[in-house]
Amino acid sequence: MARRAKSAAFAELYDEQVWRVYGFFGYRVASRDDAEDLTQQTFERALRAWSRFDPQRGQAATWLLSIARNLLIDHYRRDRSRFRQPVEGAEAEDRLGSVPAPEEDLGIDPELDRALAGLGERERELIALRFGGELTGPEIAEFTGLTLANVQQILSRTLRRLHSELESSELARRERA
């Protein structure tokens, strides 16, 4: 009976948190496939570790996002290794031509995605936790080990920077039209 209750609790957790985890990845990776795969891997790891989850130590949402964060780090490490092949001669053109372009349809506006790409790693992570993972300032502070004031300051500055970047892009687009 206890096993059935744990299974039901995990299924409920999945239903409540799947879009938060997917949203976190949506702000961090370039393709829908990668976001979906990483979301699936997060819940697979969480399921394997579910018996060790202790709600006294933290919230399930932050526990899942810490799993997601670790998977993202692993994903970036693996992704970088693909680009270490030397490029030479005509073969290189064939290889470069066969590399698929990243998907841009993650639900994030392409202009916003470009602006996000210009952020530093810490700023992008905090934006992903706040808007993709839907964590509050205090939850982000607990999750990252930063003070609440620092989280709020970084988010505020980053949002102002994004706003300015998006306004500049909009003005440039209007001038070209």
C-alpha atoms as a PDB file:
ATOM      1  CA  MET A   1       0.000   0.000   0.000  1.00  0.00           C
ATOM      2  CA  ALA A   2       2.831   2.391   0.800  1.00  0.00           C
ATOM      3  CA  ARG A   3       4.293   1.785  -2.662  1.00  0.00           C
ATOM      4  CA  ARG A   4       0.998   2.704  -4.306  1.00  0.00           C
ATOM      5  CA  ALA A   5       0.840   5.904  -2.245  1.00  0.00           C
ATOM      6  CA  LYS A   6       4.398   6.823  -3.268  1.00  0.00           C
ATOM      7  CA  SER A   7       3.551   6.181  -6.916  1.00  0.00           C
ATOM      8  CA  ALA A   8       0.461   8.355  -6.645  1.00  0.00           C
ATOM      9  CA  ALA A   9       2.459  11.104  -4.937  1.00  0.00           C
ATOM     10  CA  PHE A  10       5.068  11.040  -7.696  1.00  0.00           C
ATOM     11  CA  ALA A  11       2.390  11.108 -10.403  1.00  0.00           C
ATOM     12  CA  GLU A  12       0.867  14.166  -8.714  1.00  0.00           C
ATOM     13  CA  LEU A  13       4.293  15.806  -8.507  1.00  0.00           C
ATOM     14  CA  TYR A  14       4.804  15.157 -12.214  1.00  0.00           C
ATOM     15  CA  ASP A  15       1.441  16.713 -13.096  1.00  0.00           C
ATOM     16  CA  GLU A  16       2.165  19.779 -10.964  1.00  0.00           C
ATOM     17  CA  GLN A  17       5.770  20.344 -12.012  1.00  0.00           C
ATOM     18  CA  VAL A  18       6.290  19.098 -15.576  1.00  0.00           C
ATOM     19  CA  TRP A  19       5.685  22.508 -17.166  1.00  0.00           C
ATOM     20  CA  ARG A  20       7.951  24.256 -14.667  1.00  0.00           C
ATOM     21  CA  VAL A  21      10.805  21.917 -15.510  1.00  0.00           C
ATOM     22  CA  TYR A  22      10.095  22.167 -19.244  1.00  0.00           C
ATOM     23  CA  GLY A  23       9.913  25.958 -18.935  1.00  0.00           C
ATOM     24  CA  PHE A  24      13.290  26.036 -17.200  1.00  0.00           C
ATOM     25  CA  PHE A  25      14.830  24.115 -20.083  1.00  0.00           C
ATOM     26  CA  GLY A  26      12.935  26.231 -22.601  1.00  0.00           C
ATOM     27  CA  TYR A  27      14.884  29.267 -21.431  1.00  0.00           C
ATOM     28  CA  ARG A  28      18.204  27.422 -21.528  1.00  0.00           C
ATOM     29  CA  VAL A  29      18.376  25.218 -24.652  1.00  0.00           C
ATOM     30  CA  ALA A  30      17.898  25.944 -28.336  1.00  0.00           C
ATOM     31  CA  SER A  31      15.580  23.144 -29.400  1.00  0.00           C
ATOM     32  CA  ARG A  32      12.231  21.747 -28.393  1.00  0.00           C
ATOM     33  CA  ASP A  33      13.639  18.212 -28.689  1.00  0.00           C
ATOM     34  CA  ASP A  34      16.415  18.995 -26.200  1.00  0.00           C
ATOM     35  CA  ALA A  35      13.954  20.621 -23.779  1.00  0.00           C
ATOM     36  CA  GLU A  36      11.631  17.609 -23.992  1.00  0.00           C
ATOM     37  CA  ASP A  37      14.470  15.097 -23.624  1.00  0.00           C
ATOM     38  CA  LEU A  38      15.972  16.911 -20.649  1.00  0.00           C
ATOM     39  CA  THR A  39      12.551  17.207 -19.003  1.00  0.00           C
ATOM     40  CA  GLN A  40      12.016  13.471 -19.430  1.00  0.00           C
ATOM     41  CA  GLN A  41      15.479  12.710 -18.044  1.00  0.00           C
ATOM     42  CA  THR A  42      14.792  14.936 -15.048  1.00  0.00           C
ATOM     43  CA  PHE A  43      11.689  12.994 -14.121  1.00  0.00           C
ATOM     44  CA  GLU A  44      13.408   9.664 -14.754  1.00  0.00           C
ATOM     45  CA  ARG A  45      16.173  10.615 -12.311  1.00  0.00           C
ATOM     46  CA  ALA A  46      13.635  11.963  -9.859  1.00  0.00           C
ATOM     47  CA  LEU A  47      11.643   8.735 -10.004  1.00  0.00           C
ATOM     48  CA  ARG A  48      14.754   6.664  -9.304  1.00  0.00           C
ATOM     49  CA  ALA A  49      15.572   8.917  -6.328  1.00  0.00           C
ATOM     50  CA  TRP A  50      11.973   9.415  -5.129  1.00  0.00           C
ATOM     51  CA  SER A  51      12.406   7.142  -2.108  1.00  0.00           C
ATOM     52  CA  ARG A  52      15.265   9.395  -0.904  1.00  0.00           C
ATOM     53  CA  PHE A  53      13.378  12.691  -1.320  1.00  0.00           C
ATOM     54  CA  ASP A  54      12.881  14.358   2.064  1.00  0.00           C
ATOM     55  CA  PRO A  55      10.243  17.119   2.117  1.00  0.00           C
ATOM     56  CA  GLN A  56      11.735  18.334   5.415  1.00  0.00           C
ATOM     57  CA  ARG A  57      14.906  19.358   3.558  1.00  0.00           C
ATOM     58  CA  GLY A  58      13.224  21.346   0.793  1.00  0.00           C
ATOM     59  CA  GLN A  59      10.358  21.701  -1.624  1.00  0.00           C
ATOM     60  CA  ALA A  60       9.792  19.188  -4.405  1.00  0.00           C
ATOM     61  CA  ALA A  61       9.911  21.947  -7.044  1.00  0.00           C
ATOM     62  CA  THR A  62      13.411  23.068  -6.045  1.00  0.00           C
ATOM     63  CA  TRP A  63      14.545  19.441  -5.740  1.00  0.00           C
ATOM     64  CA  LEU A  64      13.385  18.786  -9.310  1.00  0.00           C
ATOM     65  CA  LEU A  65      15.001  21.960 -10.603  1.00  0.00           C
ATOM     66  CA  SER A  66      18.300  21.029  -8.977  1.00  0.00           C
ATOM     67  CA  ILE A  67      18.138  17.703 -10.844  1.00  0.00           C
ATOM     68  CA  ALA A  68      17.298  19.657 -14.010  1.00  0.00           C
ATOM     69  CA  ARG A  69      20.189  22.038 -13.416  1.00  0.00           C
ATOM     70  CA  ASN A  70      22.656  19.154 -13.082  1.00  0.00           C
ATOM     71  CA  LEU A  71      21.321  17.559 -16.262  1.00  0.00           C
ATOM     72  CA  LEU A  72      21.697  20.875 -18.067  1.00  0.00           C
ATOM     73  CA  ILE A  73      25.344  21.099 -17.014  1.00  0.00           C
ATOM     74  CA  ASP A  74      25.907  17.559 -18.325  1.00  0.00           C
ATOM     75  CA  HIS A  75      24.060  18.472 -21.537  1.00  0.00           C
ATOM     76  CA  TYR A  76      26.315  21.481 -22.148  1.00  0.00           C
ATOM     77  CA  ARG A  77      29.423  19.389 -21.513  1.00  0.00           C
ATOM     78  CA  ARG A  78      28.313  16.741 -24.017  1.00  0.00           C
ATOM     79  CA  ASP A  79      27.202  19.381 -26.521  1.00  0.00           C
ATOM     80  CA  ARG A  80      30.588  21.108 -26.517  1.00  0.00           C
ATOM     81  CA  SER A  81      32.396  17.862 -27.304  1.00  0.00           C
ATOM     82  CA  ARG A  82      30.554  17.653 -30.666  1.00  0.00           C
ATOM     83  CA  PHE A  83      32.236  20.819 -31.871  1.00  0.00           C
ATOM     84  CA  ARG A  84      35.846  19.725 -31.375  1.00  0.00           C
ATOM     85  CA  GLN A  85      36.249  18.101 -34.771  1.00  0.00           C
ATOM     86  CA  PRO A  86      38.734  19.883 -37.048  1.00  0.00           C
ATOM     87  CA  VAL A  87      37.218  21.463 -40.131  1.00  0.00           C
ATOM     88  CA  GLU A  88      39.216  20.995 -43.320  1.00  0.00           C
ATOM     89  CA  GLY A  89      38.610  21.236 -47.077  1.00  0.00           C
ATOM     90  CA  ALA A  90      35.471  20.276 -49.004  1.00  0.00           C
ATOM     91  CA  GLU A  91      34.509  17.602 -46.476  1.00  0.00           C
ATOM     92  CA  ALA A  92      34.046  20.369 -43.943  1.00  0.00           C
ATOM     93  CA  GLU A  93      31.524  22.111 -46.172  1.00  0.00           C
ATOM     94  CA  ASP A  94      29.541  18.883 -46.429  1.00  0.00           C
ATOM     95  CA  ARG A  95      29.612  18.409 -42.664  1.00  0.00           C
ATOM     96  CA  LEU A  96      28.712  22.012 -41.946  1.00  0.00           C
ATOM     97  CA  GLY A  97      25.881  21.897 -44.453  1.00  0.00           C
ATOM     98  CA  SER A  98      24.429  18.805 -42.811  1.00  0.00           C
ATOM     99  CA  VAL A  99      24.245  20.277 -39.298  1.00  0.00           C
ATOM    100  CA  PRO A 100      20.591  20.920 -38.524  1.00  0.00           C
ATOM    101  CA  ALA A 101      19.607  24.445 -37.551  1.00  0.00           C
ATOM    102  CA  PRO A 102      18.325  24.785 -33.988  1.00  0.00           C
ATOM    103  CA  GLU A 103      14.585  24.925 -33.566  1.00  0.00           C
ATOM    104  CA  GLU A 104      13.309  28.296 -32.545  1.00  0.00           C
ATOM    105  CA  ASP A 105       9.772  27.281 -31.688  1.00  0.00           C
ATOM    106  CA  LEU A 106      10.057  26.796 -27.945  1.00  0.00           C
ATOM    107  CA  GLY A 107       7.373  29.346 -27.199  1.00  0.00           C
ATOM    108  CA  ILE A 108       9.996  32.040 -26.686  1.00  0.00           C
ATOM    109  CA  ASP A 109       9.986  34.941 -29.117  1.00  0.00           C
ATOM    110  CA  PRO A 110      13.088  34.784 -31.354  1.00  0.00           C
ATOM    111  CA  GLU A 111      14.026  38.364 -30.385  1.00  0.00           C
ATOM    112  CA  LEU A 112      13.824  37.442 -26.705  1.00  0.00           C
ATOM    113  CA  ASP A 113      15.879  34.323 -27.356  1.00  0.00           C
ATOM    114  CA  ARG A 114      18.595  36.447 -29.003  1.00  0.00           C
ATOM    115  CA  ALA A 115      18.540  38.885 -26.089  1.00  0.00           C
ATOM    116  CA  LEU A 116      18.752  36.010 -23.598  1.00  0.00           C
ATOM    117  CA  ALA A 117      21.738  34.588 -25.484  1.00  0.00           C
ATOM    118  CA  GLY A 118      23.604  37.824 -24.754  1.00  0.00           C
ATOM    119  CA  LEU A 119      23.280  37.378 -20.998  1.00  0.00           C
ATOM    120  CA  GLY A 120      25.863  35.878 -18.709  1.00  0.00           C
ATOM    121  CA  GLU A 121      25.377  32.371 -17.376  1.00  0.00           C
ATOM    122  CA  ARG A 122      24.200  33.486 -13.919  1.00  0.00           C
ATOM    123  CA  GLU A 123      21.721  36.025 -15.287  1.00  0.00           C
ATOM    124  CA  ARG A 124      20.274  33.532 -17.755  1.00  0.00           C
ATOM    125  CA  GLU A 125      19.932  30.908 -15.031  1.00  0.00           C
ATOM    126  CA  LEU A 126      18.061  33.291 -12.729  1.00  0.00           C
ATOM    127  CA  ILE A 127      15.726  34.319 -15.561  1.00  0.00           C
ATOM    128  CA  ALA A 128      15.116  30.639 -16.363  1.00  0.00           C
ATOM    129  CA  LEU A 129      14.370  29.844 -12.715  1.00  0.00           C
ATOM    130  CA  ARG A 130      12.061  32.849 -12.316  1.00  0.00           C
ATOM    131  CA  PHE A 131      10.101  32.692 -15.552  1.00  0.00           C
ATOM    132  CA  GLY A 132      10.669  29.167 -16.831  1.00  0.00           C
ATOM    133  CA  GLY A 133      10.714  27.415 -13.466  1.00  0.00           C
ATOM    134  CA  GLU A 134       8.237  29.866 -11.936  1.00  0.00           C
ATOM    135  CA  LEU A 135      10.182  30.104  -8.687  1.00  0.00           C
ATOM    136  CA  THR A 136       9.769  33.085  -6.386  1.00  0.00           C
ATOM    137  CA  GLY A 137      12.670  35.276  -5.315  1.00  0.00           C
ATOM    138  CA  PRO A 138      13.051  33.513  -1.943  1.00  0.00           C
ATOM    139  CA  GLU A 139      12.940  30.102  -3.661  1.00  0.00           C
ATOM    140  CA  ILE A 140      15.624  31.185  -6.137  1.00  0.00           C
ATOM    141  CA  ALA A 141      17.769  32.495  -3.280  1.00  0.00           C
ATOM    142  CA  GLU A 142      17.467  29.184  -1.438  1.00  0.00           C
ATOM    143  CA  PHE A 143      18.110  27.217  -4.616  1.00  0.00           C
ATOM    144  CA  THR A 144      21.201  29.164  -5.697  1.00  0.00           C
ATOM    145  CA  GLY A 145      22.653  30.073  -2.309  1.00  0.00           C
ATOM    146  CA  LEU A 146      22.471  33.786  -3.139  1.00  0.00           C
ATOM    147  CA  THR A 147      20.867  36.290  -0.811  1.00  0.00           C
ATOM    148  CA  LEU A 148      17.340  37.403  -1.627  1.00  0.00           C
ATOM    149  CA  ALA A 149      18.577  40.971  -2.113  1.00  0.00           C
ATOM    150  CA  ASN A 150      21.208  39.754  -4.572  1.00  0.00           C
ATOM    151  CA  VAL A 151      18.653  37.690  -6.519  1.00  0.00           C
ATOM    152  CA  GLN A 152      16.293  40.668  -6.708  1.00  0.00           C
ATOM    153  CA  GLN A 153      19.079  42.999  -7.799  1.00  0.00           C
ATOM    154  CA  ILE A 154      20.356  40.639 -10.502  1.00  0.00           C
ATOM    155  CA  LEU A 155      16.833  40.000 -11.805  1.00  0.00           C
ATOM    156  CA  SER A 156      16.017  43.694 -11.820  1.00  0.00           C
ATOM    157  CA  ARG A 157      19.179  44.659 -13.706  1.00  0.00           C
ATOM    158  CA  THR A 158      18.795  41.751 -16.101  1.00  0.00           C
ATOM    159  CA  LEU A 159      15.178  42.592 -16.866  1.00  0.00           C
ATOM    160  CA  ARG A 160      16.116  46.221 -17.513  1.00  0.00           C
ATOM    161  CA  ARG A 161      18.889  45.058 -19.834  1.00  0.00           C
ATOM    162  CA  LEU A 162      16.536  42.696 -21.678  1.00  0.00           C
ATOM    163  CA  HIS A 163      13.914  45.419 -21.969  1.00  0.00           C
ATOM    164  CA  SER A 164      16.468  47.834 -23.398  1.00  0.00           C
ATOM    165  CA  GLU A 165      17.795  45.213 -25.831  1.00  0.00           C
ATOM    166  CA  LEU A 166      14.289  44.339 -27.017  1.00  0.00           C
ATOM    167  CA  GLU A 167      13.381  48.023 -27.454  1.00  0.00           C
ATOM    168  CA  SER A 168      16.542  48.577 -29.521  1.00  0.00           C
ATOM    169  CA  SER A 169      15.710  45.560 -31.682  1.00  0.00           C
ATOM    170  CA  GLU A 170      12.175  46.837 -32.219  1.00  0.00           C
ATOM    171  CA  LEU A 171      13.407  50.313 -33.184  1.00  0.00           C
ATOM    172  CA  ALA A 172      15.942  48.847 -35.615  1.00  0.00           C
ATOM    173  CA  ARG A 173      13.274  46.637 -37.176  1.00  0.00           C
ATOM    174  CA  ARG A 174      10.925  49.634 -37.629  1.00  0.00           C
ATOM    175  CA  GLU A 175      13.694  51.710 -39.219  1.00  0.00           C
ATOM    176  CA  ARG A 176      14.395  48.959 -41.761  1.00  0.00           C
ATOM    177  CA  ALA A 177      10.711  48.626 -42.647  1.00  0.00           C
END
